[in-house]
Amino acid sequence: MDAHHHHLLTLACEALDQTESCREVIELEGQTFTDRFGQPKERPEVSIMHNSRLAFARLIRELDLDFDGGSDSARPPALRSNRR
């Protein structure tokens, strides 16, 4: 792995850590809270978790790791920048 791959992997791990910490808060507090007007609102952690999941998936895909997964139909199409 090159240096930029290590950096991408570090960012992916940080995104996964953030996802897990948000999941813990949501398990304790629930997905919603009641605002000062008595209306239910989505907790900020729900949005943060969603964004960090997307970041994790994109970073892992950007790493373009090879694996022997058998069928290629289960794998998403290759990134244009990674085609050789």
N, C-alpha and C. Protein backbone atom coordinates (compact mmCIF):
# COMPACT_ATOMS: atom_id res chain seq x y z
N MET A 1 0.83 -1.18 0.00
CA MET A 1 0.00 0.00 0.00
C MET A 1 0.88 1.25 0.00
N ASP A 2 0.46 2.22 -0.77
CA ASP A 2 1.16 3.50 -0.81
C ASP A 2 0.73 4.37 0.37
N ALA A 3 1.41 5.50 0.53
CA ALA A 3 1.11 6.40 1.65
C ALA A 3 -0.32 6.93 1.59
N HIS A 4 -0.79 7.24 0.38
CA HIS A 4 -2.15 7.77 0.28
C HIS A 4 -3.19 6.69 0.60
N HIS A 5 -2.86 5.42 0.38
CA HIS A 5 -3.76 4.33 0.76
C HIS A 5 -3.85 4.22 2.28
N HIS A 6 -2.74 4.41 2.97
CA HIS A 6 -2.75 4.39 4.43
C HIS A 6 -3.62 5.53 4.98
N HIS A 7 -3.51 6.68 4.33
CA HIS A 7 -4.33 7.82 4.76
C HIS A 7 -5.82 7.53 4.54
N LEU A 8 -6.17 6.96 3.39
CA LEU A 8 -7.57 6.61 3.12
C LEU A 8 -8.08 5.58 4.13
N LEU A 9 -7.24 4.61 4.44
CA LEU A 9 -7.63 3.58 5.41
C LEU A 9 -7.83 4.20 6.80
N THR A 10 -6.97 5.14 7.18
CA THR A 10 -7.13 5.83 8.46
C THR A 10 -8.44 6.60 8.50
N LEU A 11 -8.75 7.31 7.43
CA LEU A 11 -10.01 8.05 7.36
C LEU A 11 -11.21 7.11 7.42
N ALA A 12 -11.11 5.96 6.76
CA ALA A 12 -12.21 4.99 6.80
C ALA A 12 -12.41 4.46 8.21
N CYS A 13 -11.33 4.20 8.91
CA CYS A 13 -11.44 3.72 10.29
C CYS A 13 -12.04 4.79 11.20
N GLU A 14 -11.67 6.04 10.98
CA GLU A 14 -12.25 7.12 11.76
C GLU A 14 -13.75 7.26 11.50
N ALA A 15 -14.16 7.10 10.24
CA ALA A 15 -15.58 7.16 9.90
C ALA A 15 -16.33 6.02 10.57
N LEU A 16 -15.73 4.83 10.60
CA LEU A 16 -16.36 3.69 11.25
C LEU A 16 -16.48 3.92 12.75
N ASP A 17 -15.44 4.49 13.36
CA ASP A 17 -15.49 4.83 14.80
C ASP A 17 -16.61 5.83 15.08
N GLN A 18 -16.74 6.82 14.22
CA GLN A 18 -17.79 7.82 14.41
C GLN A 18 -19.17 7.18 14.27
N THR A 19 -19.33 6.27 13.34
CA THR A 19 -20.59 5.55 13.19
C THR A 19 -20.94 4.79 14.45
N GLU A 20 -19.96 4.10 15.02
CA GLU A 20 -20.21 3.32 16.22
C GLU A 20 -20.54 4.20 17.43
N SER A 21 -19.86 5.33 17.56
CA SER A 21 -20.17 6.20 18.69
C SER A 21 -21.57 6.79 18.55
N CYS A 22 -21.99 7.12 17.35
CA CYS A 22 -23.36 7.61 17.13
C CYS A 22 -24.37 6.51 17.42
N ARG A 23 -24.05 5.30 17.03
CA ARG A 23 -24.95 4.18 17.28
C ARG A 23 -25.17 3.98 18.78
N GLU A 24 -24.12 4.14 19.57
CA GLU A 24 -24.23 4.00 21.02
C GLU A 24 -25.15 5.06 21.61
N VAL A 25 -25.01 6.31 21.15
CA VAL A 25 -25.86 7.39 21.64
C VAL A 25 -27.31 7.13 21.26
N ILE A 26 -27.54 6.68 20.03
CA ILE A 26 -28.90 6.42 19.57
C ILE A 26 -29.53 5.28 20.36
N GLU A 27 -28.74 4.26 20.69
CA GLU A 27 -29.27 3.16 21.50
C GLU A 27 -29.71 3.65 22.88
N LEU A 28 -28.95 4.57 23.47
CA LEU A 28 -29.28 5.09 24.80
C LEU A 28 -30.41 6.12 24.77
N GLU A 29 -30.35 7.04 23.82
CA GLU A 29 -31.25 8.19 23.81
C GLU A 29 -32.44 8.04 22.86
N GLY A 30 -32.35 7.10 21.91
CA GLY A 30 -33.39 6.97 20.90
C GLY A 30 -33.08 7.82 19.68
N GLN A 31 -33.88 7.65 18.62
CA GLN A 31 -33.63 8.38 17.38
C GLN A 31 -34.21 9.78 17.38
N THR A 32 -35.11 10.07 18.30
CA THR A 32 -35.73 11.39 18.33
C THR A 32 -35.65 11.99 19.73
N PHE A 33 -35.87 13.29 19.79
CA PHE A 33 -35.99 14.00 21.05
C PHE A 33 -37.12 15.01 20.90
N THR A 34 -37.60 15.52 21.99
CA THR A 34 -38.68 16.51 21.96
C THR A 34 -38.06 17.89 22.11
N ASP A 35 -38.38 18.78 21.16
CA ASP A 35 -37.82 20.12 21.22
C ASP A 35 -38.59 20.99 22.22
N ARG A 36 -38.23 22.24 22.32
CA ARG A 36 -38.84 23.12 23.32
C ARG A 36 -40.30 23.42 23.05
N PHE A 37 -40.76 23.12 21.83
CA PHE A 37 -42.16 23.32 21.49
C PHE A 37 -42.98 22.04 21.63
N GLY A 38 -42.32 20.98 22.11
CA GLY A 38 -43.01 19.71 22.29
C GLY A 38 -43.11 18.86 21.04
N GLN A 39 -42.35 19.22 20.01
CA GLN A 39 -42.38 18.49 18.74
C GLN A 39 -41.22 17.50 18.68
N PRO A 40 -41.48 16.30 18.16
CA PRO A 40 -40.38 15.33 18.02
C PRO A 40 -39.44 15.75 16.89
N LYS A 41 -38.15 15.64 17.16
CA LYS A 41 -37.12 15.97 16.18
C LYS A 41 -36.12 14.83 16.12
N GLU A 42 -35.53 14.66 14.95
CA GLU A 42 -34.50 13.64 14.79
C GLU A 42 -33.22 14.10 15.50
N ARG A 43 -32.59 13.16 16.20
CA ARG A 43 -31.34 13.48 16.88
C ARG A 43 -30.25 13.77 15.85
N PRO A 44 -29.34 14.69 16.12
CA PRO A 44 -28.25 14.98 15.19
C PRO A 44 -27.38 13.76 14.91
N GLU A 45 -27.29 12.86 15.87
CA GLU A 45 -26.44 11.66 15.69
C GLU A 45 -26.94 10.77 14.55
N VAL A 46 -28.23 10.82 14.26
CA VAL A 46 -28.77 10.00 13.16
C VAL A 46 -28.17 10.47 11.84
N SER A 47 -28.15 11.76 11.63
CA SER A 47 -27.58 12.31 10.40
C SER A 47 -26.06 12.09 10.33
N ILE A 48 -25.41 12.28 11.47
CA ILE A 48 -23.96 12.08 11.52
C ILE A 48 -23.62 10.62 11.21
N MET A 49 -24.41 9.69 11.76
CA MET A 49 -24.18 8.28 11.51
C MET A 49 -24.37 7.95 10.03
N HIS A 50 -25.42 8.51 9.44
CA HIS A 50 -25.68 8.27 8.02
C HIS A 50 -24.51 8.78 7.17
N ASN A 51 -24.05 9.99 7.44
CA ASN A 51 -22.95 10.56 6.68
C ASN A 51 -21.65 9.79 6.87
N SER A 52 -21.39 9.33 8.08
CA SER A 52 -20.14 8.60 8.30
C SER A 52 -20.19 7.21 7.67
N ARG A 53 -21.37 6.61 7.60
CA ARG A 53 -21.50 5.34 6.88
C ARG A 53 -21.20 5.51 5.40
N LEU A 54 -21.74 6.57 4.81
CA LEU A 54 -21.47 6.85 3.40
C LEU A 54 -19.99 7.11 3.17
N ALA A 55 -19.38 7.88 4.07
CA ALA A 55 -17.95 8.17 3.94
C ALA A 55 -17.13 6.89 4.03
N PHE A 56 -17.49 6.02 4.98
CA PHE A 56 -16.77 4.75 5.12
C PHE A 56 -16.87 3.92 3.84
N ALA A 57 -18.08 3.79 3.31
CA ALA A 57 -18.26 2.98 2.10
C ALA A 57 -17.48 3.56 0.93
N ARG A 58 -17.49 4.87 0.79
CA ARG A 58 -16.77 5.50 -0.33
C ARG A 58 -15.27 5.37 -0.18
N LEU A 59 -14.78 5.52 1.05
CA LEU A 59 -13.34 5.41 1.27
C LEU A 59 -12.86 3.98 1.04
N ILE A 60 -13.61 3.01 1.50
CA ILE A 60 -13.23 1.61 1.27
C ILE A 60 -13.23 1.30 -0.23
N ARG A 61 -14.24 1.80 -0.91
CA ARG A 61 -14.29 1.58 -2.36
C ARG A 61 -13.12 2.26 -3.05
N GLU A 62 -12.76 3.45 -2.59
CA GLU A 62 -11.65 4.19 -3.18
C GLU A 62 -10.33 3.44 -3.01
N LEU A 63 -10.22 2.66 -1.94
CA LEU A 63 -9.00 1.86 -1.75
C LEU A 63 -8.85 0.82 -2.84
N ASP A 64 -9.98 0.39 -3.41
CA ASP A 64 -9.98 -0.55 -4.54
C ASP A 64 -9.17 -1.80 -4.22
N LEU A 65 -9.45 -2.39 -3.06
CA LEU A 65 -8.76 -3.61 -2.66
C LEU A 65 -9.24 -4.79 -3.48
N ASP A 66 -8.32 -5.63 -3.87
CA ASP A 66 -8.67 -6.84 -4.61
C ASP A 66 -9.03 -7.94 -3.62
N PHE A 67 -9.99 -8.76 -3.99
CA PHE A 67 -10.34 -9.91 -3.18
C PHE A 67 -10.89 -10.98 -4.10
N ASP A 68 -10.83 -12.19 -3.62
CA ASP A 68 -11.36 -13.31 -4.39
C ASP A 68 -12.79 -13.55 -3.93
N GLY A 69 -13.69 -12.75 -4.45
CA GLY A 69 -15.07 -12.80 -4.02
C GLY A 69 -15.93 -13.73 -4.85
N GLY A 70 -15.33 -14.44 -5.79
CA GLY A 70 -16.12 -15.35 -6.62
C GLY A 70 -16.79 -14.61 -7.76
N SER A 71 -18.08 -14.39 -7.65
CA SER A 71 -18.86 -13.76 -8.70
C SER A 71 -18.61 -12.26 -8.76
N ASP A 72 -18.41 -11.73 -9.96
CA ASP A 72 -18.23 -10.29 -10.13
C ASP A 72 -19.56 -9.55 -10.14
N SER A 73 -20.68 -10.27 -10.26
CA SER A 73 -21.97 -9.60 -10.34
C SER A 73 -22.36 -8.95 -9.01
N ALA A 74 -21.79 -9.42 -7.90
CA ALA A 74 -22.10 -8.83 -6.59
C ALA A 74 -21.28 -7.59 -6.32
N ARG A 75 -20.28 -7.36 -7.11
CA ARG A 75 -19.39 -6.22 -6.90
C ARG A 75 -19.89 -5.02 -7.70
N PRO A 76 -19.82 -3.82 -7.13
CA PRO A 76 -20.25 -2.64 -7.88
C PRO A 76 -19.32 -2.37 -9.05
N PRO A 77 -19.77 -1.59 -10.02
CA PRO A 77 -18.91 -1.30 -11.16
C PRO A 77 -17.65 -0.55 -10.74
N ALA A 78 -16.59 -0.73 -11.52
CA ALA A 78 -15.30 -0.13 -11.21
C ALA A 78 -15.39 1.39 -11.32
N LEU A 79 -14.58 2.07 -10.52
CA LEU A 79 -14.48 3.52 -10.62
C LEU A 79 -13.73 3.87 -11.89
N ARG A 80 -14.15 4.94 -12.54
CA ARG A 80 -13.49 5.34 -13.79
C ARG A 80 -12.02 5.65 -13.56
N SER A 81 -11.71 6.25 -12.43
CA SER A 81 -10.32 6.63 -12.15
C SER A 81 -9.44 5.41 -11.91
N ASN A 82 -10.03 4.28 -11.60
CA ASN A 82 -9.24 3.08 -11.31
C ASN A 82 -9.10 2.15 -12.51
N ARG A 83 -9.78 2.48 -13.59
CA ARG A 83 -9.65 1.63 -14.79
C ARG A 83 -8.28 1.85 -15.42
N ARG A 84 -7.73 0.77 -15.87
CA ARG A 84 -6.38 0.85 -16.45
C ARG A 84 -6.41 0.53 -17.91
